[in-house]
Amino acid sequence: DLARLAASFNEMAPNLAVKIRQLEELSQVQRQFVSDVSHELRTPLTTIRIAADMIYEHRDTFDPAVARSAELLQSQLERFESLLTDLLEISRYDAGAATLDAESLDMRDLVLRAVGDIQGLAERTGSKVVLQLPGEPCMAEVDRRRVERILRNLLVNAVEHGEGEDIIVSCAADRDAVAVAVRDHGVGLKPGESQMVFDRFWRADPARA
């Protein structure tokens, strides 16, 4: 029995080695893809931004419908630039060159800003965002842009999967730490999916737009 087990293990070991090597090669390809795409998008986006800024500056001279289109173009370009910044940041992480831009901030302000960004989406889905913020400041050393992005991601997910129920956003602090919680009442993750939420580009529902 031990001999058969040893033979089986010896056969399994090289198979595992092959799988590990394949995964490593896939990871390298993915990292290179992210880096290449993010840098290639920079130039056309800069050109579009210059033209859009000119249109946006003259929006008062347009009829209301065109002026609204100019505003939408500007806001979506800002979102596109934010997404591209995130892609470039992933490349810097992969290269070991990422740095934090930390500053002392009141987390309540970041929460209010993030909630404001998704308020329109919440209204369209029938969800109500309920804030539970303390009366005193919740100060922390944070990288504003990154923490705001995390909060927006949590809030958008809560709105999109919250089944139209209330979304509760709370913030609290003690002498050592600050915590922010986003609670929705949707279906939640399936068993085992919580282990995958930090995998790059993973989605619980691959069919989502």
C-alpha atoms as a PDB file:
ATOM      1  CA  ASP A   1       0.000   0.000   0.000  1.00  0.00           C
ATOM      2  CA  LEU A   2       2.793   2.416   0.905  1.00  0.00           C
ATOM      3  CA  ALA A   3       4.581   1.585  -2.349  1.00  0.00           C
ATOM      4  CA  ARG A   4       1.460   2.351  -4.379  1.00  0.00           C
ATOM      5  CA  LEU A   5       0.972   5.599  -2.428  1.00  0.00           C
ATOM      6  CA  ALA A   6       4.586   6.599  -3.052  1.00  0.00           C
ATOM      7  CA  ALA A   7       4.265   5.839  -6.763  1.00  0.00           C
ATOM      8  CA  SER A   8       1.058   7.851  -6.960  1.00  0.00           C
ATOM      9  CA  PHE A   9       2.656  10.782  -5.163  1.00  0.00           C
ATOM     10  CA  ASN A  10       5.718  10.677  -7.424  1.00  0.00           C
ATOM     11  CA  GLU A  11       3.422  10.798 -10.453  1.00  0.00           C
ATOM     12  CA  MET A  12       1.427  13.681  -8.986  1.00  0.00           C
ATOM     13  CA  ALA A  13       4.445  15.836  -8.121  1.00  0.00           C
ATOM     14  CA  PRO A  14       5.586  16.603 -11.694  1.00  0.00           C
ATOM     15  CA  ASN A  15       1.986  17.209 -12.750  1.00  0.00           C
ATOM     16  CA  LEU A  16       1.659  19.794  -9.997  1.00  0.00           C
ATOM     17  CA  ALA A  17       4.953  21.356 -11.035  1.00  0.00           C
ATOM     18  CA  VAL A  18       3.659  21.736 -14.605  1.00  0.00           C
ATOM     19  CA  LYS A  19       0.418  23.347 -13.382  1.00  0.00           C
ATOM     20  CA  ILE A  20       2.316  25.773 -11.136  1.00  0.00           C
ATOM     21  CA  ARG A  21       4.598  26.758 -14.018  1.00  0.00           C
ATOM     22  CA  GLN A  22       1.585  27.335 -16.275  1.00  0.00           C
ATOM     23  CA  LEU A  23      -0.054  29.557 -13.652  1.00  0.00           C
ATOM     24  CA  GLU A  24       3.157  31.552 -13.198  1.00  0.00           C
ATOM     25  CA  GLU A  25       3.431  32.085 -16.953  1.00  0.00           C
ATOM     26  CA  LEU A  26      -0.225  33.160 -17.115  1.00  0.00           C
ATOM     27  CA  SER A  27       0.330  35.614 -14.265  1.00  0.00           C
ATOM     28  CA  GLN A  28       3.320  37.137 -16.067  1.00  0.00           C
ATOM     29  CA  VAL A  29       1.320  37.503 -19.277  1.00  0.00           C
ATOM     30  CA  GLN A  30      -1.501  39.157 -17.348  1.00  0.00           C
ATOM     31  CA  ARG A  31       0.873  41.596 -15.651  1.00  0.00           C
ATOM     32  CA  GLN A  32       2.472  42.513 -18.974  1.00  0.00           C
ATOM     33  CA  PHE A  33      -0.952  42.955 -20.568  1.00  0.00           C
ATOM     34  CA  VAL A  34      -2.099  45.335 -17.826  1.00  0.00           C
ATOM     35  CA  SER A  35       1.092  47.348 -18.106  1.00  0.00           C
ATOM     36  CA  ASP A  36       0.969  47.577 -21.915  1.00  0.00           C
ATOM     37  CA  VAL A  37      -2.714  48.475 -22.115  1.00  0.00           C
ATOM     38  CA  SER A  38      -2.537  51.141 -19.435  1.00  0.00           C
ATOM     39  CA  HIS A  39       0.413  52.871 -21.078  1.00  0.00           C
ATOM     40  CA  GLU A  40      -0.985  52.608 -24.611  1.00  0.00           C
ATOM     41  CA  LEU A  41      -4.260  54.252 -23.534  1.00  0.00           C
ATOM     42  CA  ARG A  42      -2.482  57.302 -22.105  1.00  0.00           C
ATOM     43  CA  THR A  43      -1.792  59.072 -25.422  1.00  0.00           C
ATOM     44  CA  PRO A  44      -5.260  58.898 -27.044  1.00  0.00           C
ATOM     45  CA  LEU A  45      -6.904  59.749 -23.728  1.00  0.00           C
ATOM     46  CA  THR A  46      -4.765  62.885 -23.403  1.00  0.00           C
ATOM     47  CA  THR A  47      -5.823  63.991 -26.895  1.00  0.00           C
ATOM     48  CA  ILE A  48      -9.498  63.354 -26.151  1.00  0.00           C
ATOM     49  CA  ARG A  49      -9.185  65.209 -22.841  1.00  0.00           C
ATOM     50  CA  ILE A  50      -7.813  68.341 -24.573  1.00  0.00           C
ATOM     51  CA  ALA A  51     -10.725  68.395 -27.032  1.00  0.00           C
ATOM     52  CA  ALA A  52     -13.291  67.645 -24.309  1.00  0.00           C
ATOM     53  CA  ASP A  53     -11.952  70.416 -22.063  1.00  0.00           C
ATOM     54  CA  MET A  54     -12.402  72.925 -24.884  1.00  0.00           C
ATOM     55  CA  ILE A  55     -15.984  71.771 -25.475  1.00  0.00           C
ATOM     56  CA  TYR A  56     -16.736  71.832 -21.758  1.00  0.00           C
ATOM     57  CA  GLU A  57     -15.425  75.399 -21.354  1.00  0.00           C
ATOM     58  CA  HIS A  58     -17.882  76.609 -24.024  1.00  0.00           C
ATOM     59  CA  ARG A  59     -20.902  74.616 -22.812  1.00  0.00           C
ATOM     60  CA  ASP A  60     -22.757  77.811 -21.801  1.00  0.00           C
ATOM     61  CA  THR A  61     -22.998  78.743 -25.488  1.00  0.00           C
ATOM     62  CA  PHE A  62     -24.711  75.467 -26.454  1.00  0.00           C
ATOM     63  CA  ASP A  63     -28.368  74.568 -26.295  1.00  0.00           C
ATOM     64  CA  PRO A  64     -29.294  72.662 -23.084  1.00  0.00           C
ATOM     65  CA  ALA A  65     -29.157  69.175 -24.611  1.00  0.00           C
ATOM     66  CA  VAL A  66     -25.685  69.686 -26.102  1.00  0.00           C
ATOM     67  CA  ALA A  67     -24.472  71.363 -22.917  1.00  0.00           C
ATOM     68  CA  ARG A  68     -25.642  68.356 -20.924  1.00  0.00           C
ATOM     69  CA  SER A  69     -23.784  66.074 -23.342  1.00  0.00           C
ATOM     70  CA  ALA A  70     -20.611  68.118 -22.781  1.00  0.00           C
ATOM     71  CA  GLU A  71     -21.006  67.680 -19.020  1.00  0.00           C
ATOM     72  CA  LEU A  72     -21.549  63.928 -19.392  1.00  0.00           C
ATOM     73  CA  LEU A  73     -18.497  63.664 -21.637  1.00  0.00           C
ATOM     74  CA  GLN A  74     -16.408  65.477 -19.038  1.00  0.00           C
ATOM     75  CA  SER A  75     -17.597  63.332 -16.130  1.00  0.00           C
ATOM     76  CA  GLN A  76     -17.102  60.065 -18.017  1.00  0.00           C
ATOM     77  CA  LEU A  77     -13.624  61.119 -19.121  1.00  0.00           C
ATOM     78  CA  GLU A  78     -12.787  61.763 -15.471  1.00  0.00           C
ATOM     79  CA  ARG A  79     -14.036  58.267 -14.661  1.00  0.00           C
ATOM     80  CA  PHE A  80     -11.998  56.812 -17.537  1.00  0.00           C
ATOM     81  CA  GLU A  81      -8.894  58.614 -16.288  1.00  0.00           C
ATOM     82  CA  SER A  82      -9.515  57.231 -12.813  1.00  0.00           C
ATOM     83  CA  LEU A  83      -9.769  53.688 -14.193  1.00  0.00           C
ATOM     84  CA  LEU A  84      -6.591  54.182 -16.192  1.00  0.00           C
ATOM     85  CA  THR A  85      -4.824  55.482 -13.095  1.00  0.00           C
ATOM     86  CA  ASP A  86      -5.864  52.286 -11.325  1.00  0.00           C
ATOM     87  CA  LEU A  87      -4.446  50.166 -14.157  1.00  0.00           C
ATOM     88  CA  LEU A  88      -1.158  52.068 -14.005  1.00  0.00           C
ATOM     89  CA  GLU A  89      -1.135  51.569 -10.251  1.00  0.00           C
ATOM     90  CA  ILE A  90      -1.550  47.816 -10.710  1.00  0.00           C
ATOM     91  CA  SER A  91       1.494  47.927 -12.988  1.00  0.00           C
ATOM     92  CA  ARG A  92       3.473  49.801 -10.323  1.00  0.00           C
ATOM     93  CA  TYR A  93       2.460  47.212  -7.718  1.00  0.00           C
ATOM     94  CA  ASP A  94       3.636  44.433 -10.016  1.00  0.00           C
ATOM     95  CA  ALA A  95       6.931  46.262 -10.492  1.00  0.00           C
ATOM     96  CA  GLY A  96       7.315  46.821  -6.731  1.00  0.00           C
ATOM     97  CA  ALA A  97       7.295  50.597  -7.257  1.00  0.00           C
ATOM     98  CA  ALA A  98       4.003  51.611  -5.597  1.00  0.00           C
ATOM     99  CA  THR A  99       4.087  54.278  -2.894  1.00  0.00           C
ATOM    100  CA  LEU A 100       1.499  55.563  -0.430  1.00  0.00           C
ATOM    101  CA  ASP A 101       0.480  59.211  -0.338  1.00  0.00           C
ATOM    102  CA  ALA A 102      -0.752  59.217   3.259  1.00  0.00           C
ATOM    103  CA  GLU A 103      -2.241  62.211   5.062  1.00  0.00           C
ATOM    104  CA  SER A 104      -4.264  62.779   8.207  1.00  0.00           C
ATOM    105  CA  LEU A 105      -7.964  62.937   7.306  1.00  0.00           C
ATOM    106  CA  ASP A 106     -11.364  62.702   8.932  1.00  0.00           C
ATOM    107  CA  MET A 107     -12.820  59.468   7.579  1.00  0.00           C
ATOM    108  CA  ARG A 108     -16.319  60.880   7.893  1.00  0.00           C
ATOM    109  CA  ASP A 109     -15.481  63.328   5.082  1.00  0.00           C
ATOM    110  CA  LEU A 110     -14.312  60.501   2.820  1.00  0.00           C
ATOM    111  CA  VAL A 111     -17.480  58.535   3.566  1.00  0.00           C
ATOM    112  CA  LEU A 112     -19.696  61.515   2.724  1.00  0.00           C
ATOM    113  CA  ARG A 113     -17.834  62.130  -0.523  1.00  0.00           C
ATOM    114  CA  ALA A 114     -18.035  58.482  -1.602  1.00  0.00           C
ATOM    115  CA  VAL A 115     -21.744  58.312  -0.746  1.00  0.00           C
ATOM    116  CA  GLY A 116     -22.334  61.493  -2.740  1.00  0.00           C
ATOM    117  CA  ASP A 117     -20.666  59.912  -5.783  1.00  0.00           C
ATOM    118  CA  ILE A 118     -23.082  56.964  -5.830  1.00  0.00           C
ATOM    119  CA  GLN A 119     -26.230  58.749  -4.639  1.00  0.00           C
ATOM    120  CA  GLY A 120     -27.683  58.982  -8.153  1.00  0.00           C
ATOM    121  CA  LEU A 121     -27.136  55.269  -8.753  1.00  0.00           C
ATOM    122  CA  ALA A 122     -28.782  54.441  -5.420  1.00  0.00           C
ATOM    123  CA  GLU A 123     -31.832  56.534  -6.278  1.00  0.00           C
ATOM    124  CA  ARG A 124     -32.226  54.803  -9.643  1.00  0.00           C
ATOM    125  CA  THR A 125     -32.208  51.377  -8.005  1.00  0.00           C
ATOM    126  CA  GLY A 126     -34.573  52.425  -5.203  1.00  0.00           C
ATOM    127  CA  SER A 127     -31.960  51.970  -2.465  1.00  0.00           C
ATOM    128  CA  LYS A 128     -31.604  54.407   0.408  1.00  0.00           C
ATOM    129  CA  VAL A 129     -28.171  55.044   1.914  1.00  0.00           C
ATOM    130  CA  VAL A 130     -28.392  55.322   5.697  1.00  0.00           C
ATOM    131  CA  LEU A 131     -25.396  56.994   7.357  1.00  0.00           C
ATOM    132  CA  GLN A 132     -24.364  56.146  10.899  1.00  0.00           C
ATOM    133  CA  LEU A 133     -21.507  58.562  11.604  1.00  0.00           C
ATOM    134  CA  PRO A 134     -20.254  59.672  15.020  1.00  0.00           C
ATOM    135  CA  GLY A 135     -20.408  63.314  16.050  1.00  0.00           C
ATOM    136  CA  GLU A 136     -16.657  63.536  16.672  1.00  0.00           C
ATOM    137  CA  PRO A 137     -13.888  63.315  14.050  1.00  0.00           C
ATOM    138  CA  CYS A 138     -12.541  59.897  13.004  1.00  0.00           C
ATOM    139  CA  MET A 139      -8.983  60.834  12.133  1.00  0.00           C
ATOM    140  CA  ALA A 140      -6.661  58.395  10.345  1.00  0.00           C
ATOM    141  CA  GLU A 141      -3.499  58.411   8.234  1.00  0.00           C
ATOM    142  CA  VAL A 142      -4.781  57.321   4.825  1.00  0.00           C
ATOM    143  CA  ASP A 143      -4.117  57.587   1.118  1.00  0.00           C
ATOM    144  CA  ARG A 144      -7.198  59.590   0.136  1.00  0.00           C
ATOM    145  CA  ARG A 145      -7.511  58.449  -3.488  1.00  0.00           C
ATOM    146  CA  ARG A 146      -7.101  54.761  -2.736  1.00  0.00           C
ATOM    147  CA  VAL A 147      -9.445  54.714   0.248  1.00  0.00           C
ATOM    148  CA  GLU A 148     -12.095  56.658  -1.675  1.00  0.00           C
ATOM    149  CA  ARG A 149     -11.854  54.109  -4.479  1.00  0.00           C
ATOM    150  CA  ILE A 150     -12.308  51.233  -2.020  1.00  0.00           C
ATOM    151  CA  LEU A 151     -15.360  52.918  -0.507  1.00  0.00           C
ATOM    152  CA  ARG A 152     -16.900  53.605  -3.923  1.00  0.00           C
ATOM    153  CA  ASN A 153     -16.361  49.986  -4.948  1.00  0.00           C
ATOM    154  CA  LEU A 154     -18.047  48.729  -1.791  1.00  0.00           C
ATOM    155  CA  LEU A 155     -20.937  51.161  -2.186  1.00  0.00           C
ATOM    156  CA  VAL A 156     -21.510  50.442  -5.895  1.00  0.00           C
ATOM    157  CA  ASN A 157     -21.517  46.702  -5.190  1.00  0.00           C
ATOM    158  CA  ALA A 158     -23.952  47.232  -2.323  1.00  0.00           C
ATOM    159  CA  VAL A 159     -26.291  49.260  -4.550  1.00  0.00           C
ATOM    160  CA  GLU A 160     -26.104  46.872  -7.502  1.00  0.00           C
ATOM    161  CA  HIS A 161     -26.688  43.760  -5.395  1.00  0.00           C
ATOM    162  CA  GLY A 162     -28.711  45.168  -2.499  1.00  0.00           C
ATOM    163  CA  GLU A 163     -32.119  44.214  -3.919  1.00  0.00           C
ATOM    164  CA  GLY A 164     -33.338  47.804  -3.473  1.00  0.00           C
ATOM    165  CA  GLU A 165     -33.050  47.559   0.314  1.00  0.00           C
ATOM    166  CA  ASP A 166     -31.411  50.133   2.590  1.00  0.00           C
ATOM    167  CA  ILE A 167     -27.623  50.326   2.577  1.00  0.00           C
ATOM    168  CA  ILE A 168     -26.121  51.149   5.957  1.00  0.00           C
ATOM    169  CA  VAL A 169     -22.766  52.943   6.053  1.00  0.00           C
ATOM    170  CA  SER A 170     -21.180  53.321   9.476  1.00  0.00           C
ATOM    171  CA  CYS A 171     -17.932  54.734  10.769  1.00  0.00           C
ATOM    172  CA  ALA A 172     -16.332  54.425  14.191  1.00  0.00           C
ATOM    173  CA  ALA A 173     -12.979  55.063  15.852  1.00  0.00           C
ATOM    174  CA  ASP A 174     -11.044  54.420  19.030  1.00  0.00           C
ATOM    175  CA  ARG A 175      -7.537  55.432  20.075  1.00  0.00           C
ATOM    176  CA  ASP A 176      -5.869  52.937  17.760  1.00  0.00           C
ATOM    177  CA  ALA A 177      -7.996  52.484  14.644  1.00  0.00           C
ATOM    178  CA  VAL A 178     -10.815  53.715  12.429  1.00  0.00           C
ATOM    179  CA  ALA A 179     -13.338  51.365  10.812  1.00  0.00           C
ATOM    180  CA  VAL A 180     -15.860  51.889   8.029  1.00  0.00           C
ATOM    181  CA  ALA A 181     -18.564  49.309   7.289  1.00  0.00           C
ATOM    182  CA  VAL A 182     -20.893  49.056   4.283  1.00  0.00           C
ATOM    183  CA  ARG A 183     -23.879  46.749   4.855  1.00  0.00           C
ATOM    184  CA  ASP A 184     -26.399  45.713   2.233  1.00  0.00           C
ATOM    185  CA  HIS A 185     -29.205  43.148   2.361  1.00  0.00           C
ATOM    186  CA  GLY A 186     -28.685  41.389  -0.962  1.00  0.00           C
ATOM    187  CA  VAL A 187     -28.087  37.711  -1.655  1.00  0.00           C
ATOM    188  CA  GLY A 188     -24.411  37.910  -0.713  1.00  0.00           C
ATOM    189  CA  LEU A 189     -21.597  35.688  -1.927  1.00  0.00           C
ATOM    190  CA  LYS A 190     -21.937  31.977  -2.525  1.00  0.00           C
ATOM    191  CA  PRO A 191     -20.016  29.568  -0.267  1.00  0.00           C
ATOM    192  CA  GLY A 192     -16.309  29.742  -1.032  1.00  0.00           C
ATOM    193  CA  GLU A 193     -16.490  32.971  -3.042  1.00  0.00           C
ATOM    194  CA  SER A 194     -15.279  35.086  -0.120  1.00  0.00           C
ATOM    195  CA  GLN A 195     -11.844  33.522  -0.659  1.00  0.00           C
ATOM    196  CA  MET A 196     -11.729  34.976  -4.187  1.00  0.00           C
ATOM    197  CA  VAL A 197     -12.743  38.594  -3.701  1.00  0.00           C
ATOM    198  CA  PHE A 198      -9.136  39.825  -3.795  1.00  0.00           C
ATOM    199  CA  ASP A 199      -8.236  37.903  -6.958  1.00  0.00           C
ATOM    200  CA  ARG A 200      -7.483  40.338  -9.739  1.00  0.00           C
ATOM    201  CA  PHE A 201     -10.470  41.080 -12.015  1.00  0.00           C
ATOM    202  CA  TRP A 202     -12.574  38.351 -10.387  1.00  0.00           C
ATOM    203  CA  ARG A 203     -16.363  38.732 -10.554  1.00  0.00           C
ATOM    204  CA  ALA A 204     -18.938  36.758  -8.641  1.00  0.00           C
ATOM    205  CA  ASP A 205     -21.163  36.878 -11.737  1.00  0.00           C
ATOM    206  CA  PRO A 206     -19.112  36.707 -14.959  1.00  0.00           C
ATOM    207  CA  ALA A 207     -22.232  37.563 -16.988  1.00  0.00           C
ATOM    208  CA  ARG A 208     -22.484  41.049 -15.460  1.00  0.00           C
ATOM    209  CA  ALA A 209     -22.052  43.956 -17.824  1.00  0.00           C
END
